[in-house]
């Protein structure tokens, strides 16, 4: 078999064009929402929808990988998934979760995000250490390519590099797990104590908000943007170089719906920003009007001290 040409029919239900564009739009939407929330008083809750989208995609990926490893058919087309199909998607999902903004005040969402981070890190580590050897491969190994600032093979040094990366990712995920679960336990304990002491609502609301989400600085925003753009290039180049076909159409409802949903989330961010600007402009206009009405002309009182008055003739 020629190593220069080994086309592979892709799985659109897993990484079709609509699903990929939906993920890309959500990545940039989360980035944009974080930037706008730093400058405008708008809620930054896009991350909640993103982690649900990632969760559903990860569940499908795990199901297909498990079926392929166990000798079954990965997709509805009767073909198991291969390593060149798995590594771009699992890397994309892990990076998306890693840079996703999740409010620390929403404990349930934070726990779901933590579980996704740990689960995807485990899947990423399993794949590069062991899983890619178990998945079927219809093409020669030297044909499988990835993007790392150039076209590189995934079975040589690049696999060793990702093994090392998985160790670092596992350490980071462990710290996130300990910190977030510990914070949640402390939150639950204090909630139980407040309930037991029957404190008033005013006392409950007196908790300091210093731990609320602080706006990200320009360096963090730039890093997130670079990661998002790099992830998009990484996936698209991997699909093209490995000659994966059948995943570049929006014709089916299964591809069009994720695209529309992600586009709606992006438009909702612009709508929230425009709504805030309109409310701010209206409040400024009302404030200026009130200032004009309530303005006190103190300079007129000096006329009596200077005897600067004029007589009004009575006729």
Protein backbone atom coordinates (compact mmCIF):
# COMPACT_ATOMS: atom_id res chain seq x y z
CA UNK A 1 0.00 0.00 0.00
CA UNK A 2 1.33 3.41 -0.91
CA UNK A 3 2.11 5.59 2.05
CA UNK A 4 1.56 8.74 0.01
CA UNK A 5 -2.13 8.06 -0.54
CA UNK A 6 -4.35 6.36 1.99
CA UNK A 7 -7.76 8.06 2.07
CA UNK A 8 -10.01 7.46 5.04
CA UNK A 9 -13.77 7.93 5.23
CA UNK A 10 -14.38 10.07 8.30
CA UNK A 11 -17.12 9.91 10.93
CA UNK A 12 -19.31 13.03 10.54
CA UNK A 13 -21.31 12.11 13.66
CA UNK A 14 -18.17 12.60 15.71
CA UNK A 15 -16.23 15.40 14.04
CA UNK A 16 -18.29 16.58 11.07
CA UNK A 17 -18.02 20.11 9.76
CA UNK A 18 -21.01 21.40 11.72
CA UNK A 19 -19.74 19.89 14.96
CA UNK A 20 -16.23 21.26 14.42
CA UNK A 21 -17.41 24.74 13.50
CA UNK A 22 -19.76 24.65 16.49
CA UNK A 23 -16.84 23.88 18.79
CA UNK A 24 -14.68 26.57 17.18
CA UNK A 25 -17.40 29.20 17.52
CA UNK A 26 -17.95 28.27 21.16
CA UNK A 27 -14.23 28.57 21.87
CA UNK A 28 -14.13 32.07 20.42
CA UNK A 29 -17.46 32.94 22.06
CA UNK A 30 -16.10 32.08 25.50
CA UNK A 31 -13.05 34.20 24.72
CA UNK A 32 -15.18 37.14 23.57
CA UNK A 33 -17.53 36.82 26.53
CA UNK A 34 -14.62 36.99 28.94
CA UNK A 35 -13.24 40.11 27.25
CA UNK A 36 -16.62 41.88 27.26
CA UNK A 37 -17.29 40.98 30.90
CA UNK A 38 -14.00 42.63 31.81
CA UNK A 39 -15.05 45.96 30.31
CA UNK A 40 -18.85 45.84 30.56
CA UNK A 41 -21.16 44.71 33.33
CA UNK A 42 -22.47 41.68 31.44
CA UNK A 43 -22.82 38.15 32.73
CA UNK A 44 -20.19 35.68 31.59
CA UNK A 45 -22.16 32.43 31.65
CA UNK A 46 -21.31 31.11 28.19
CA UNK A 47 -18.99 28.56 29.77
CA UNK A 48 -21.99 26.64 31.13
CA UNK A 49 -23.28 25.86 27.66
CA UNK A 50 -19.80 25.06 26.43
CA UNK A 51 -19.07 22.41 29.03
CA UNK A 52 -22.38 20.68 28.23
CA UNK A 53 -21.48 20.64 24.53
CA UNK A 54 -18.04 19.25 25.33
CA UNK A 55 -19.56 16.66 27.66
CA UNK A 56 -21.92 15.33 24.99
CA UNK A 57 -19.12 15.14 22.41
CA UNK A 58 -16.79 13.42 24.87
CA UNK A 59 -19.44 10.81 25.71
CA UNK A 60 -19.85 9.96 22.01
CA UNK A 61 -16.07 9.79 21.59
CA UNK A 62 -15.61 7.44 24.54
CA UNK A 63 -18.43 5.19 23.31
CA UNK A 64 -16.92 4.93 19.83
CA UNK A 65 -13.40 4.34 21.13
CA UNK A 66 -14.61 1.64 23.51
CA UNK A 67 -16.52 -0.12 20.73
CA UNK A 68 -13.52 0.04 18.40
CA UNK A 69 -11.08 -1.30 21.01
CA UNK A 70 -13.41 -4.18 21.82
CA UNK A 71 -13.61 -5.21 18.18
CA UNK A 72 -16.97 -3.64 17.42
CA UNK A 73 -17.98 -1.01 14.94
CA UNK A 74 -17.33 2.52 16.11
CA UNK A 75 -19.99 4.33 14.14
CA UNK A 76 -23.25 3.79 12.34
CA UNK A 77 -21.35 3.29 9.08
CA UNK A 78 -19.96 0.00 10.40
CA UNK A 79 -16.35 1.22 10.62
CA UNK A 80 -14.33 1.54 13.84
CA UNK A 81 -12.53 4.78 14.64
CA UNK A 82 -8.78 4.97 14.09
CA UNK A 83 -5.97 6.78 15.92
CA UNK A 84 -5.79 9.58 13.33
CA UNK A 85 -9.45 10.34 14.09
CA UNK A 86 -9.16 10.24 17.86
CA UNK A 87 -6.08 12.33 18.65
CA UNK A 88 -7.26 15.60 17.01
CA UNK A 89 -10.63 15.50 18.74
CA UNK A 90 -9.45 14.53 22.21
CA UNK A 91 -6.78 17.25 22.05
CA UNK A 92 -9.35 19.81 20.90
CA UNK A 93 -11.79 18.94 23.69
CA UNK A 94 -9.06 19.03 26.34
CA UNK A 95 -7.80 22.42 25.20
CA UNK A 96 -11.33 23.79 25.03
CA UNK A 97 -12.06 22.74 28.60
CA UNK A 98 -8.69 24.04 29.73
CA UNK A 99 -9.32 27.61 28.54
CA UNK A 100 -13.07 27.63 29.25
CA UNK A 101 -14.23 30.35 31.70
CA UNK A 102 -16.37 28.90 34.49
CA UNK A 103 -17.75 31.06 37.28
CA UNK A 104 -16.44 30.05 40.70
CA UNK A 105 -19.73 31.19 42.22
CA UNK A 106 -21.61 28.40 40.43
CA UNK A 107 -20.40 25.37 42.35
CA UNK A 108 -22.33 22.78 40.33
CA UNK A 109 -20.98 24.02 37.01
CA UNK A 110 -17.49 24.16 38.49
CA UNK A 111 -17.73 20.52 39.58
CA UNK A 112 -18.90 19.44 36.11
CA UNK A 113 -16.01 21.35 34.57
CA UNK A 114 -13.58 19.70 36.99
CA UNK A 115 -14.95 16.23 36.18
CA UNK A 116 -14.60 16.93 32.45
CA UNK A 117 -11.04 18.19 32.88
CA UNK A 118 -10.03 15.09 34.84
CA UNK A 119 -11.88 12.73 32.47
CA UNK A 120 -10.46 14.23 29.27
CA UNK A 121 -6.96 14.31 30.79
CA UNK A 122 -7.31 10.61 31.61
CA UNK A 123 -8.52 9.88 28.06
CA UNK A 124 -5.67 11.92 26.58
CA UNK A 125 -3.11 10.07 28.72
CA UNK A 126 -4.63 6.66 28.00
CA UNK A 127 -4.64 7.27 24.25
CA UNK A 128 -1.00 8.30 23.93
CA UNK A 129 0.33 5.72 26.39
CA UNK A 130 -1.73 2.70 25.41
CA UNK A 131 -4.94 3.38 23.49
CA UNK A 132 -3.49 4.16 20.06
CA UNK A 133 -1.91 0.70 20.01
CA UNK A 134 -5.31 -0.92 20.58
CA UNK A 135 -7.27 0.96 17.95
CA UNK A 136 -7.37 -0.48 14.43
CA UNK A 137 -5.33 1.27 11.76
CA UNK A 138 -6.07 0.81 8.06
CA UNK A 139 -3.08 2.82 6.86
CA UNK A 140 0.66 2.37 7.44
CA UNK A 141 1.92 4.08 10.56
CA UNK A 142 4.24 6.37 8.63
CA UNK A 143 1.18 7.80 6.89
CA UNK A 144 -0.39 9.10 10.13
CA UNK A 145 0.50 12.76 10.49
CA UNK A 146 -0.10 15.60 12.94
CA UNK A 147 0.55 19.34 12.96
CA UNK A 148 3.38 20.53 15.19
CA UNK A 149 4.54 23.63 13.31
CA UNK A 150 5.19 21.13 10.51
CA UNK A 151 3.95 17.76 9.29
CA UNK A 152 5.18 15.14 11.77
CA UNK A 153 4.42 11.47 12.34
CA UNK A 154 2.37 10.56 15.41
CA UNK A 155 4.14 7.27 16.22
CA UNK A 156 7.68 8.48 16.86
CA UNK A 157 9.05 11.29 18.98
CA UNK A 158 5.73 13.12 18.77
CA UNK A 159 4.09 10.31 20.73
CA UNK A 160 6.80 10.57 23.39
CA UNK A 161 6.24 14.32 23.53
CA UNK A 162 2.51 13.80 24.13
CA UNK A 163 3.25 11.22 26.80
CA UNK A 164 5.26 13.85 28.66
CA UNK A 165 2.51 16.41 28.04
CA UNK A 166 -0.05 14.02 29.49
CA UNK A 167 1.98 13.77 32.71
CA UNK A 168 2.01 17.56 33.08
CA UNK A 169 -1.69 17.72 32.25
CA UNK A 170 -2.42 15.06 34.85
CA UNK A 171 -0.58 17.04 37.51
CA UNK A 172 -2.50 20.20 36.63
CA UNK A 173 -5.81 18.33 36.60
CA UNK A 174 -5.00 16.84 40.01
CA UNK A 175 -4.39 20.28 41.49
CA UNK A 176 -7.64 21.54 39.95
CA UNK A 177 -9.51 18.55 41.35
CA UNK A 178 -8.16 19.02 44.87
CA UNK A 179 -8.72 22.79 44.85
CA UNK A 180 -12.23 22.77 43.40
CA UNK A 181 -13.53 19.79 45.36
CA UNK A 182 -11.98 21.20 48.53
CA UNK A 183 -13.63 24.55 47.88
CA UNK A 184 -16.97 22.85 47.30
CA UNK A 185 -16.68 20.86 50.55
CA UNK A 186 -15.89 24.05 52.48
CA UNK A 187 -18.84 25.78 50.82
CA UNK A 188 -21.19 22.94 51.80
CA UNK A 189 -19.92 22.91 55.40
CA UNK A 190 -20.43 26.65 55.81
CA UNK A 191 -23.86 26.39 54.19
CA UNK A 192 -24.86 23.72 56.71
CA UNK A 193 -23.54 25.80 59.61
CA UNK A 194 -25.43 28.88 58.43
CA UNK A 195 -28.59 26.89 58.08
CA UNK A 196 -28.16 25.34 61.52
CA UNK A 197 -27.69 28.74 63.12
CA UNK A 198 -30.66 30.13 61.18
CA UNK A 199 -28.92 33.27 60.14
CA UNK A 200 -30.85 35.93 58.33
CA UNK A 201 -30.62 36.50 54.61
CA UNK A 202 -28.65 39.68 55.22
CA UNK A 203 -26.02 37.74 57.11
CA UNK A 204 -25.89 35.14 54.38
CA UNK A 205 -25.30 37.77 51.76
CA UNK A 206 -22.50 39.34 53.75
CA UNK A 207 -20.01 36.78 52.47
CA UNK A 208 -17.07 38.53 50.90
CA UNK A 209 -17.05 38.58 47.14
CA UNK A 210 -13.32 38.81 46.92
CA UNK A 211 -13.24 35.23 45.63
CA UNK A 212 -15.54 36.07 42.75
CA UNK A 213 -14.15 35.82 39.25
CA UNK A 214 -11.67 38.57 38.56
CA UNK A 215 -11.26 39.83 35.01
CA UNK A 216 -8.41 38.20 33.16
CA UNK A 217 -5.47 40.37 32.24
CA UNK A 218 -4.25 40.92 28.72
CA UNK A 219 -1.58 38.21 28.98
CA UNK A 220 -4.10 35.53 29.93
CA UNK A 221 -6.48 36.66 27.19
CA UNK A 222 -3.67 36.52 24.63
CA UNK A 223 -2.64 33.03 25.74
CA UNK A 224 -6.22 31.77 25.50
CA UNK A 225 -6.56 33.24 22.02
CA UNK A 226 -3.32 31.62 20.85
CA UNK A 227 -4.45 28.26 22.27
CA UNK A 228 -7.83 28.52 20.53
CA UNK A 229 -6.34 29.40 17.14
CA UNK A 230 -3.66 26.73 17.53
CA UNK A 231 -6.26 24.08 18.34
CA UNK A 232 -8.29 24.94 15.24
CA UNK A 233 -5.21 24.75 12.98
CA UNK A 234 -4.13 21.51 14.70
CA UNK A 235 -7.42 19.74 14.00
CA UNK A 236 -7.95 20.98 10.45
CA UNK A 237 -4.42 20.18 9.33
CA UNK A 238 -4.62 16.71 10.87
CA UNK A 239 -7.84 15.97 8.96
CA UNK A 240 -6.38 17.25 5.69
CA UNK A 241 -2.98 15.58 5.95
CA UNK A 242 -4.51 12.23 6.89
CA UNK A 243 -6.86 12.47 3.88
CA UNK A 244 -10.02 12.12 5.95
CA UNK A 245 -13.07 12.70 3.76
CA UNK A 246 -16.82 12.96 4.28
CA UNK A 247 -16.55 15.54 7.09
CA UNK A 248 -16.81 18.80 5.14
CA UNK A 249 -20.56 19.26 4.68
CA UNK A 250 -23.37 21.02 6.55
CA UNK A 251 -26.16 19.34 4.61
CA UNK A 252 -27.40 16.96 7.30
CA UNK A 253 -29.41 18.16 10.34
CA UNK A 254 -26.82 16.57 12.62
CA UNK A 255 -24.23 19.04 11.29
CA UNK A 256 -26.40 22.09 10.80
CA UNK A 257 -27.95 22.12 14.28
CA UNK A 258 -24.68 22.33 16.30
CA UNK A 259 -23.55 25.12 14.00
CA UNK A 260 -26.76 27.11 14.51
CA UNK A 261 -26.71 26.58 18.29
CA UNK A 262 -23.12 27.82 18.57
CA UNK A 263 -23.88 30.77 16.30
CA UNK A 264 -26.84 31.65 18.53
CA UNK A 265 -24.56 31.71 21.57
CA UNK A 266 -22.17 34.05 19.76
CA UNK A 267 -25.01 36.41 18.83
CA UNK A 268 -26.30 36.35 22.40
CA UNK A 269 -22.96 37.73 23.61
CA UNK A 270 -23.21 40.65 21.18
CA UNK A 271 -26.84 41.17 22.22
CA UNK A 272 -25.88 41.33 25.90
CA UNK A 273 -23.13 43.86 25.18
CA UNK A 274 -25.44 46.00 23.02
CA UNK A 275 -28.16 45.86 25.69
CA UNK A 276 -25.71 47.03 28.34
CA UNK A 277 -24.51 49.91 26.16
CA UNK A 278 -28.08 51.04 25.47
CA UNK A 279 -28.96 50.91 29.18
CA UNK A 280 -25.78 52.78 30.07
CA UNK A 281 -26.52 55.49 27.51
CA UNK A 282 -30.11 55.84 28.78
CA UNK A 283 -28.93 56.10 32.39
CA UNK A 284 -26.34 58.72 31.45
CA UNK A 285 -28.97 60.79 29.65
CA UNK A 286 -31.33 60.58 32.62
CA UNK A 287 -28.53 61.55 35.02
CA UNK A 288 -27.60 64.59 32.94
CA UNK A 289 -31.25 65.64 32.82
CA UNK A 290 -31.62 65.32 36.61
CA UNK A 291 -28.47 67.36 37.13
CA UNK A 292 -29.86 70.17 34.99
CA UNK A 293 -33.17 70.17 36.85
CA UNK A 294 -31.59 70.11 40.31
CA UNK A 295 -28.86 72.61 39.54
CA UNK A 296 -28.75 75.41 42.16
CA UNK A 297 -27.67 78.86 40.97
CA UNK A 298 -25.65 79.94 44.00
CA UNK A 299 -24.15 82.87 42.13
CA UNK A 300 -27.44 84.79 42.25
CA UNK A 301 -27.27 85.13 46.06
CA UNK A 302 -24.25 87.42 45.78
CA UNK A 303 -26.32 90.08 44.13
CA UNK A 304 -27.98 90.90 47.50
CA UNK A 305 -24.59 91.24 49.21
CA UNK A 306 -23.36 93.58 46.49
CA UNK A 307 -26.67 95.48 46.56
CA UNK A 308 -26.73 94.61 42.88
CA UNK A 309 -30.48 94.68 42.56
CA UNK A 310 -32.78 96.47 40.30
CA UNK A 311 -36.04 98.12 41.14
CA UNK A 312 -39.17 96.92 39.49
CA UNK A 313 -41.55 99.69 38.67
CA UNK A 314 -45.04 99.20 39.92
CA UNK A 315 -47.63 100.60 37.65
